[in-house]
PDB file of N, CA and C in Angstrom:
ATOM      1  N   MET A   1     -20.760  -8.422   0.626  1.00  0.00           N
ATOM      2  CA  MET A   1     -20.221  -9.736   0.342  1.00  0.00           C
ATOM      3  C   MET A   1     -19.513  -9.750  -1.018  1.00  0.00           C
ATOM      4  N   ASN A   2     -20.092  -9.064  -1.996  1.00  0.00           N
ATOM      5  CA  ASN A   2     -19.473  -9.020  -3.320  1.00  0.00           C
ATOM      6  C   ASN A   2     -18.117  -8.334  -3.270  1.00  0.00           C
ATOM      7  N   ARG A   3     -18.012  -7.318  -2.413  1.00  0.00           N
ATOM      8  CA  ARG A   3     -16.747  -6.600  -2.309  1.00  0.00           C
ATOM      9  C   ARG A   3     -15.665  -7.503  -1.724  1.00  0.00           C
ATOM     10  N   LEU A   4     -16.028  -8.309  -0.744  1.00  0.00           N
ATOM     11  CA  LEU A   4     -15.076  -9.234  -0.149  1.00  0.00           C
ATOM     12  C   LEU A   4     -14.565 -10.236  -1.177  1.00  0.00           C
ATOM     13  N   ILE A   5     -15.456 -10.738  -1.998  1.00  0.00           N
ATOM     14  CA  ILE A   5     -15.073 -11.686  -3.050  1.00  0.00           C
ATOM     15  C   ILE A   5     -14.152 -11.002  -4.060  1.00  0.00           C
ATOM     16  N   ALA A   6     -14.481  -9.787  -4.439  1.00  0.00           N
ATOM     17  CA  ALA A   6     -13.655  -9.058  -5.407  1.00  0.00           C
ATOM     18  C   ALA A   6     -12.262  -8.777  -4.847  1.00  0.00           C
ATOM     19  N   GLU A   7     -12.184  -8.377  -3.587  1.00  0.00           N
ATOM     20  CA  GLU A   7     -10.881  -8.111  -2.979  1.00  0.00           C
ATOM     21  C   GLU A   7     -10.047  -9.391  -2.872  1.00  0.00           C
ATOM     22  N   SER A   8     -10.680 -10.489  -2.501  1.00  0.00           N
ATOM     23  CA  SER A   8      -9.956 -11.758  -2.400  1.00  0.00           C
ATOM     24  C   SER A   8      -9.457 -12.209  -3.760  1.00  0.00           C
ATOM     25  N   LEU A   9     -10.291 -12.062  -4.766  1.00  0.00           N
ATOM     26  CA  LEU A   9      -9.898 -12.436  -6.118  1.00  0.00           C
ATOM     27  C   LEU A   9      -8.751 -11.559  -6.612  1.00  0.00           C
ATOM     28  N   ALA A  10      -8.803 -10.284  -6.306  1.00  0.00           N
ATOM     29  CA  ALA A  10      -7.720  -9.381  -6.708  1.00  0.00           C
ATOM     30  C   ALA A  10      -6.410  -9.781  -6.036  1.00  0.00           C
ATOM     31  N   CYS A  11      -6.457 -10.137  -4.753  1.00  0.00           N
ATOM     32  CA  CYS A  11      -5.249 -10.582  -4.041  1.00  0.00           C
ATOM     33  C   CYS A  11      -4.657 -11.824  -4.696  1.00  0.00           C
ATOM     34  N   LEU A  12      -5.510 -12.768  -5.040  1.00  0.00           N
ATOM     35  CA  LEU A  12      -5.027 -14.008  -5.644  1.00  0.00           C
ATOM     36  C   LEU A  12      -4.453 -13.782  -7.038  1.00  0.00           C
ATOM     37  N   ILE A  13      -5.082 -12.921  -7.820  1.00  0.00           N
ATOM     38  CA  ILE A  13      -4.585 -12.636  -9.167  1.00  0.00           C
ATOM     39  C   ILE A  13      -3.228 -11.947  -9.097  1.00  0.00           C
ATOM     40  N   ILE A  14      -3.091 -10.985  -8.198  1.00  0.00           N
ATOM     41  CA  ILE A  14      -1.815 -10.292  -8.052  1.00  0.00           C
ATOM     42  C   ILE A  14      -0.733 -11.255  -7.589  1.00  0.00           C
ATOM     43  N   ALA A  15      -1.075 -12.134  -6.647  1.00  0.00           N
ATOM     44  CA  ALA A  15      -0.094 -13.120  -6.170  1.00  0.00           C
ATOM     45  C   ALA A  15       0.319 -14.062  -7.295  1.00  0.00           C
ATOM     46  N   ALA A  16      -0.635 -14.471  -8.123  1.00  0.00           N
ATOM     47  CA  ALA A  16      -0.305 -15.349  -9.248  1.00  0.00           C
ATOM     48  C   ALA A  16       0.619 -14.644 -10.241  1.00  0.00           C
ATOM     49  N   LEU A  17       0.354 -13.384 -10.500  1.00  0.00           N
ATOM     50  CA  LEU A  17       1.228 -12.633 -11.409  1.00  0.00           C
ATOM     51  C   LEU A  17       2.636 -12.493 -10.841  1.00  0.00           C
ATOM     52  N   PHE A  18       2.717 -12.193  -9.543  1.00  0.00           N
ATOM     53  CA  PHE A  18       4.034 -12.089  -8.924  1.00  0.00           C
ATOM     54  C   PHE A  18       4.752 -13.433  -8.937  1.00  0.00           C
ATOM     55  N   PHE A  19       4.014 -14.531  -8.726  1.00  0.00           N
ATOM     56  CA  PHE A  19       4.637 -15.855  -8.779  1.00  0.00           C
ATOM     57  C   PHE A  19       5.213 -16.122 -10.166  1.00  0.00           C
ATOM     58  N   MET A  20       4.429 -15.796 -11.195  1.00  0.00           N
ATOM     59  CA  MET A  20       4.922 -16.043 -12.560  1.00  0.00           C
ATOM     60  C   MET A  20       6.157 -15.210 -12.863  1.00  0.00           C
ATOM     61  N   CYS A  21       6.141 -13.945 -12.449  1.00  0.00           N
ATOM     62  CA  CYS A  21       7.319 -13.099 -12.688  1.00  0.00           C
ATOM     63  C   CYS A  21       8.540 -13.634 -11.935  1.00  0.00           C
ATOM     64  N   GLY A  22       8.356 -13.989 -10.666  1.00  0.00           N
ATOM     65  CA  GLY A  22       9.467 -14.526  -9.887  1.00  0.00           C
ATOM     66  C   GLY A  22       9.963 -15.853 -10.422  1.00  0.00           C
ATOM     67  N   PHE A  23       9.031 -16.684 -10.882  1.00  0.00           N
ATOM     68  CA  PHE A  23       9.404 -17.985 -11.454  1.00  0.00           C
ATOM     69  C   PHE A  23      10.236 -17.796 -12.709  1.00  0.00           C
ATOM     70  N   LEU A  24       9.837 -16.857 -13.541  1.00  0.00           N
ATOM     71  CA  LEU A  24      10.588 -16.613 -14.770  1.00  0.00           C
ATOM     72  C   LEU A  24      11.953 -16.006 -14.495  1.00  0.00           C
ATOM     73  N   LEU A  25      12.045 -15.184 -13.452  1.00  0.00           N
ATOM     74  CA  LEU A  25      13.323 -14.536 -13.152  1.00  0.00           C
ATOM     75  C   LEU A  25      14.302 -15.436 -12.405  1.00  0.00           C
ATOM     76  N   GLY A  26      13.784 -16.251 -11.466  1.00  0.00           N
ATOM     77  CA  GLY A  26      14.743 -16.977 -10.651  1.00  0.00           C
ATOM     78  C   GLY A  26      14.332 -18.354 -10.197  1.00  0.00           C
ATOM     79  N   GLY A  27      13.285 -18.886 -10.715  1.00  0.00           N
ATOM     80  CA  GLY A  27      12.904 -20.241 -10.331  1.00  0.00           C
ATOM     81  C   GLY A  27      11.738 -20.271  -9.357  1.00  0.00           C
ATOM     82  N   GLU A  28      11.462 -21.497  -8.902  1.00  0.00           N
ATOM     83  CA  GLU A  28      10.277 -21.728  -8.068  1.00  0.00           C
ATOM     84  C   GLU A  28      10.367 -21.045  -6.702  1.00  0.00           C
ATOM     85  N   ARG A  29      11.532 -21.077  -6.090  1.00  0.00           N
ATOM     86  CA  ARG A  29      11.668 -20.477  -4.757  1.00  0.00           C
ATOM     87  C   ARG A  29      11.439 -18.967  -4.792  1.00  0.00           C
ATOM     88  N   LEU A  30      12.021 -18.312  -5.753  1.00  0.00           N
ATOM     89  CA  LEU A  30      11.836 -16.861  -5.867  1.00  0.00           C
ATOM     90  C   LEU A  30      10.381 -16.534  -6.199  1.00  0.00           C
ATOM     91  N   GLY A  31       9.756 -17.357  -7.024  1.00  0.00           N
ATOM     92  CA  GLY A  31       8.348 -17.162  -7.346  1.00  0.00           C
ATOM     93  C   GLY A  31       7.460 -17.289  -6.126  1.00  0.00           C
ATOM     94  N   MET A  32       7.721 -18.304  -5.308  1.00  0.00           N
ATOM     95  CA  MET A  32       6.947 -18.482  -4.077  1.00  0.00           C
ATOM     96  C   MET A  32       7.179 -17.322  -3.114  1.00  0.00           C
ATOM     97  N   PHE A  33       8.419 -16.874  -3.023  1.00  0.00           N
ATOM     98  CA  PHE A  33       8.728 -15.744  -2.151  1.00  0.00           C
ATOM     99  C   PHE A  33       7.951 -14.506  -2.587  1.00  0.00           C
ATOM    100  N   TYR A  34       7.959 -14.209  -3.880  1.00  0.00           N
ATOM    101  CA  TYR A  34       7.223 -13.049  -4.393  1.00  0.00           C
ATOM    102  C   TYR A  34       5.722 -13.191  -4.157  1.00  0.00           C
ATOM    103  N   ALA A  35       5.197 -14.391  -4.352  1.00  0.00           N
ATOM    104  CA  ALA A  35       3.761 -14.609  -4.164  1.00  0.00           C
ATOM    105  C   ALA A  35       3.371 -14.419  -2.702  1.00  0.00           C
ATOM    106  N   ILE A  36       4.138 -14.958  -1.783  1.00  0.00           N
ATOM    107  CA  ILE A  36       3.837 -14.809  -0.358  1.00  0.00           C
ATOM    108  C   ILE A  36       3.971 -13.357   0.067  1.00  0.00           C
ATOM    109  N   LEU A  37       4.991 -12.693  -0.410  1.00  0.00           N
ATOM    110  CA  LEU A  37       5.170 -11.275  -0.102  1.00  0.00           C
ATOM    111  C   LEU A  37       4.006 -10.453  -0.635  1.00  0.00           C
ATOM    112  N   SER A  38       3.558 -10.755  -1.832  1.00  0.00           N
ATOM    113  CA  SER A  38       2.433 -10.048  -2.431  1.00  0.00           C
ATOM    114  C   SER A  38       1.146 -10.279  -1.647  1.00  0.00           C
ATOM    115  N   LEU A  39       0.887 -11.525  -1.269  1.00  0.00           N
ATOM    116  CA  LEU A  39      -0.320 -11.829  -0.495  1.00  0.00           C
ATOM    117  C   LEU A  39      -0.319 -11.132   0.854  1.00  0.00           C
ATOM    118  N   SER A  40       0.805 -11.160   1.530  1.00  0.00           N
ATOM    119  CA  SER A  40       0.851 -10.541   2.854  1.00  0.00           C
ATOM    120  C   SER A  40       0.668  -9.030   2.766  1.00  0.00           C
ATOM    121  N   SER A  41       1.275  -8.398   1.779  1.00  0.00           N
ATOM    122  CA  SER A  41       1.114  -6.947   1.654  1.00  0.00           C
ATOM    123  C   SER A  41      -0.303  -6.585   1.216  1.00  0.00           C
ATOM    124  N   SER A  42      -0.894  -7.369   0.328  1.00  0.00           N
ATOM    125  CA  SER A  42      -2.259  -7.096  -0.114  1.00  0.00           C
ATOM    126  C   SER A  42      -3.254  -7.258   1.025  1.00  0.00           C
ATOM    127  N   LEU A  43      -3.098  -8.323   1.792  1.00  0.00           N
ATOM    128  CA  LEU A  43      -4.010  -8.548   2.907  1.00  0.00           C
ATOM    129  C   LEU A  43      -3.843  -7.483   3.975  1.00  0.00           C
ATOM    130  N   GLY A  44      -2.625  -7.061   4.229  1.00  0.00           N
ATOM    131  CA  GLY A  44      -2.390  -5.976   5.182  1.00  0.00           C
ATOM    132  C   GLY A  44      -3.011  -4.676   4.719  1.00  0.00           C
ATOM    133  N   PHE A  45      -2.894  -4.385   3.433  1.00  0.00           N
ATOM    134  CA  PHE A  45      -3.477  -3.168   2.877  1.00  0.00           C
ATOM    135  C   PHE A  45      -4.995  -3.185   3.019  1.00  0.00           C
ATOM    136  N   TYR A  46      -5.629  -4.306   2.641  1.00  0.00           N
ATOM    137  CA  TYR A  46      -7.089  -4.379   2.722  1.00  0.00           C
ATOM    138  C   TYR A  46      -7.576  -4.361   4.160  1.00  0.00           C
ATOM    139  N   HIS A  47      -6.813  -4.975   5.071  1.00  0.00           N
ATOM    140  CA  HIS A  47      -7.195  -4.948   6.478  1.00  0.00           C
ATOM    141  C   HIS A  47      -7.150  -3.519   7.012  1.00  0.00           C
ATOM    142  N   GLY A  48      -6.100  -2.796   6.678  1.00  0.00           N
ATOM    143  CA  GLY A  48      -5.989  -1.396   7.092  1.00  0.00           C
ATOM    144  C   GLY A  48      -7.079  -0.531   6.497  1.00  0.00           C
ATOM    145  N   MET A  49      -7.420  -0.803   5.255  1.00  0.00           N
ATOM    146  CA  MET A  49      -8.472  -0.046   4.597  1.00  0.00           C
ATOM    147  C   MET A  49      -9.811  -0.302   5.281  1.00  0.00           C
ATOM    148  N   ARG A  50     -10.071  -1.525   5.639  1.00  0.00           N
ATOM    149  CA  ARG A  50     -11.328  -1.862   6.333  1.00  0.00           C
ATOM    150  C   ARG A  50     -11.390  -1.218   7.699  1.00  0.00           C
ATOM    151  N   GLU A  51     -10.276  -1.194   8.422  1.00  0.00           N
ATOM    152  CA  GLU A  51     -10.258  -0.550   9.734  1.00  0.00           C
ATOM    153  C   GLU A  51     -10.548   0.940   9.589  1.00  0.00           C
ATOM    154  N   GLY A  52     -10.002   1.550   8.556  1.00  0.00           N
ATOM    155  CA  GLY A  52     -10.277   2.964   8.299  1.00  0.00           C
ATOM    156  C   GLY A  52     -11.745   3.207   8.000  1.00  0.00           C
ATOM    157  N   GLU A  53     -12.351   2.307   7.231  1.00  0.00           N
ATOM    158  CA  GLU A  53     -13.773   2.443   6.929  1.00  0.00           C
ATOM    159  C   GLU A  53     -14.623   2.266   8.177  1.00  0.00           C
ATOM    160  N   LYS A  54     -14.243   1.322   9.049  1.00  0.00           N
ATOM    161  CA  LYS A  54     -14.977   1.126  10.296  1.00  0.00           C
ATOM    162  C   LYS A  54     -14.891   2.382  11.158  1.00  0.00           C
ATOM    163  N   ASN A  55     -13.697   2.959  11.239  1.00  0.00           N
ATOM    164  CA  ASN A  55     -13.529   4.180  12.026  1.00  0.00           C
ATOM    165  C   ASN A  55     -14.366   5.313  11.457  1.00  0.00           C
ATOM    166  N   GLU A  56     -14.414   5.423  10.135  1.00  0.00           N
ATOM    167  CA  GLU A  56     -15.202   6.480   9.494  1.00  0.00           C
ATOM    168  C   GLU A  56     -16.696   6.291   9.770  1.00  0.00           C
ATOM    169  N   ARG A  57     -17.178   5.049   9.688  1.00  0.00           N
ATOM    170  CA  ARG A  57     -18.590   4.781   9.999  1.00  0.00           C
ATOM    171  C   ARG A  57     -18.908   5.113  11.441  1.00  0.00           C
ATOM    172  N   GLU A  58     -17.975   4.799  12.343  1.00  0.00           N
ATOM    173  CA  GLU A  58     -18.178   5.102  13.762  1.00  0.00           C
ATOM    174  C   GLU A  58     -18.251   6.616  13.979  1.00  0.00           C
ATOM    175  N   LYS A  59     -17.397   7.367  13.297  1.00  0.00           N
ATOM    176  CA  LYS A  59     -17.450   8.831  13.403  1.00  0.00           C
ATOM    177  C   LYS A  59     -18.784   9.365  12.907  1.00  0.00           C
ATOM    178  N   GLN A  60     -19.267   8.820  11.787  1.00  0.00           N
ATOM    179  CA  GLN A  60     -20.558   9.262  11.255  1.00  0.00           C
ATOM    180  C   GLN A  60     -21.691   8.908  12.211  1.00  0.00           C
ATOM    181  N   ARG A  61     -21.613   7.733  12.822  1.00  0.00           N
ATOM    182  CA  ARG A  61     -22.652   7.329  13.758  1.00  0.00           C
ATOM    183  C   ARG A  61     -22.683   8.252  14.963  1.00  0.00           C
ATOM    184  N   ILE A  62     -21.519   8.597  15.492  1.00  0.00           N
ATOM    185  CA  ILE A  62     -21.439   9.498  16.637  1.00  0.00           C
ATOM    186  C   ILE A  62     -21.946  10.887  16.248  1.00  0.00           C
ATOM    187  N   LYS A  63     -21.586  11.321  15.046  1.00  0.00           N
ATOM    188  CA  LYS A  63     -22.025  12.632  14.576  1.00  0.00           C
ATOM    189  C   LYS A  63     -23.551  12.694  14.504  1.00  0.00           C
ATOM    190  N   TRP A  64     -24.171  11.688  13.892  1.00  0.00           N
ATOM    191  CA  TRP A  64     -25.627  11.696  13.766  1.00  0.00           C
ATOM    192  C   TRP A  64     -26.313  11.502  15.104  1.00  0.00           C
ATOM    193  N   LYS A  65     -25.673  10.775  15.992  1.00  0.00           N
ATOM    194  CA  LYS A  65     -26.228  10.603  17.326  1.00  0.00           C
ATOM    195  C   LYS A  65     -26.278  11.943  18.060  1.00  0.00           C
ATOM    196  N   SER A  66     -25.215  12.727  17.938  1.00  0.00           N
ATOM    197  CA  SER A  66     -25.202  14.036  18.595  1.00  0.00           C
ATOM    198  C   SER A  66     -26.202  14.993  17.930  1.00  0.00           C
ATOM    199  N   VAL A  67     -26.395  14.876  16.625  1.00  0.00           N
ATOM    200  CA  VAL A  67     -27.373  15.721  15.946  1.00  0.00           C
ATOM    201  C   VAL A  67     -28.776  15.382  16.436  1.00  0.00           C
ATOM    202  N   ARG A  68     -29.079  14.097  16.571  1.00  0.00           N
ATOM    203  CA  ARG A  68     -30.409  13.686  17.063  1.00  0.00           C
ATOM    204  C   ARG A  68     -30.631  14.127  18.498  1.00  0.00           C
ATOM    205  N   GLU A  69     -29.581  14.107  19.315  1.00  0.00           N
ATOM    206  CA  GLU A  69     -29.733  14.528  20.701  1.00  0.00           C
ATOM    207  C   GLU A  69     -30.027  16.020  20.808  1.00  0.00           C
ATOM    208  N   ARG A  70     -29.481  16.803  19.914  1.00  0.00           N
ATOM    209  CA  ARG A  70     -29.743  18.248  19.925  1.00  0.00           C
ATOM    210  C   ARG A  70     -31.178  18.570  19.551  1.00  0.00           C
ATOM    211  N   LEU A  71     -31.773  17.716  18.731  1.00  0.00           N
ATOM    212  CA  LEU A  71     -33.153  17.958  18.317  1.00  0.00           C
ATOM    213  C   LEU A  71     -34.070  17.516  19.414  1.00  0.00           C
TER     214      LEU A  71
END
């Protein structure tokens, strides 16, 4: 649960930074565009990372299951 909170907070902080940079460079619309782009890429990255972790856990579970069956 703590990891989920940390990842969500990191996404929001990065989006806020991108919004500020975009706002300073080109106004509110560009800032919003950068923030939305940042959020979508961050969430996609974390979703992919979680899927990879799930797959790795499944591989470990299958591996240990086969080891127990051999014994």
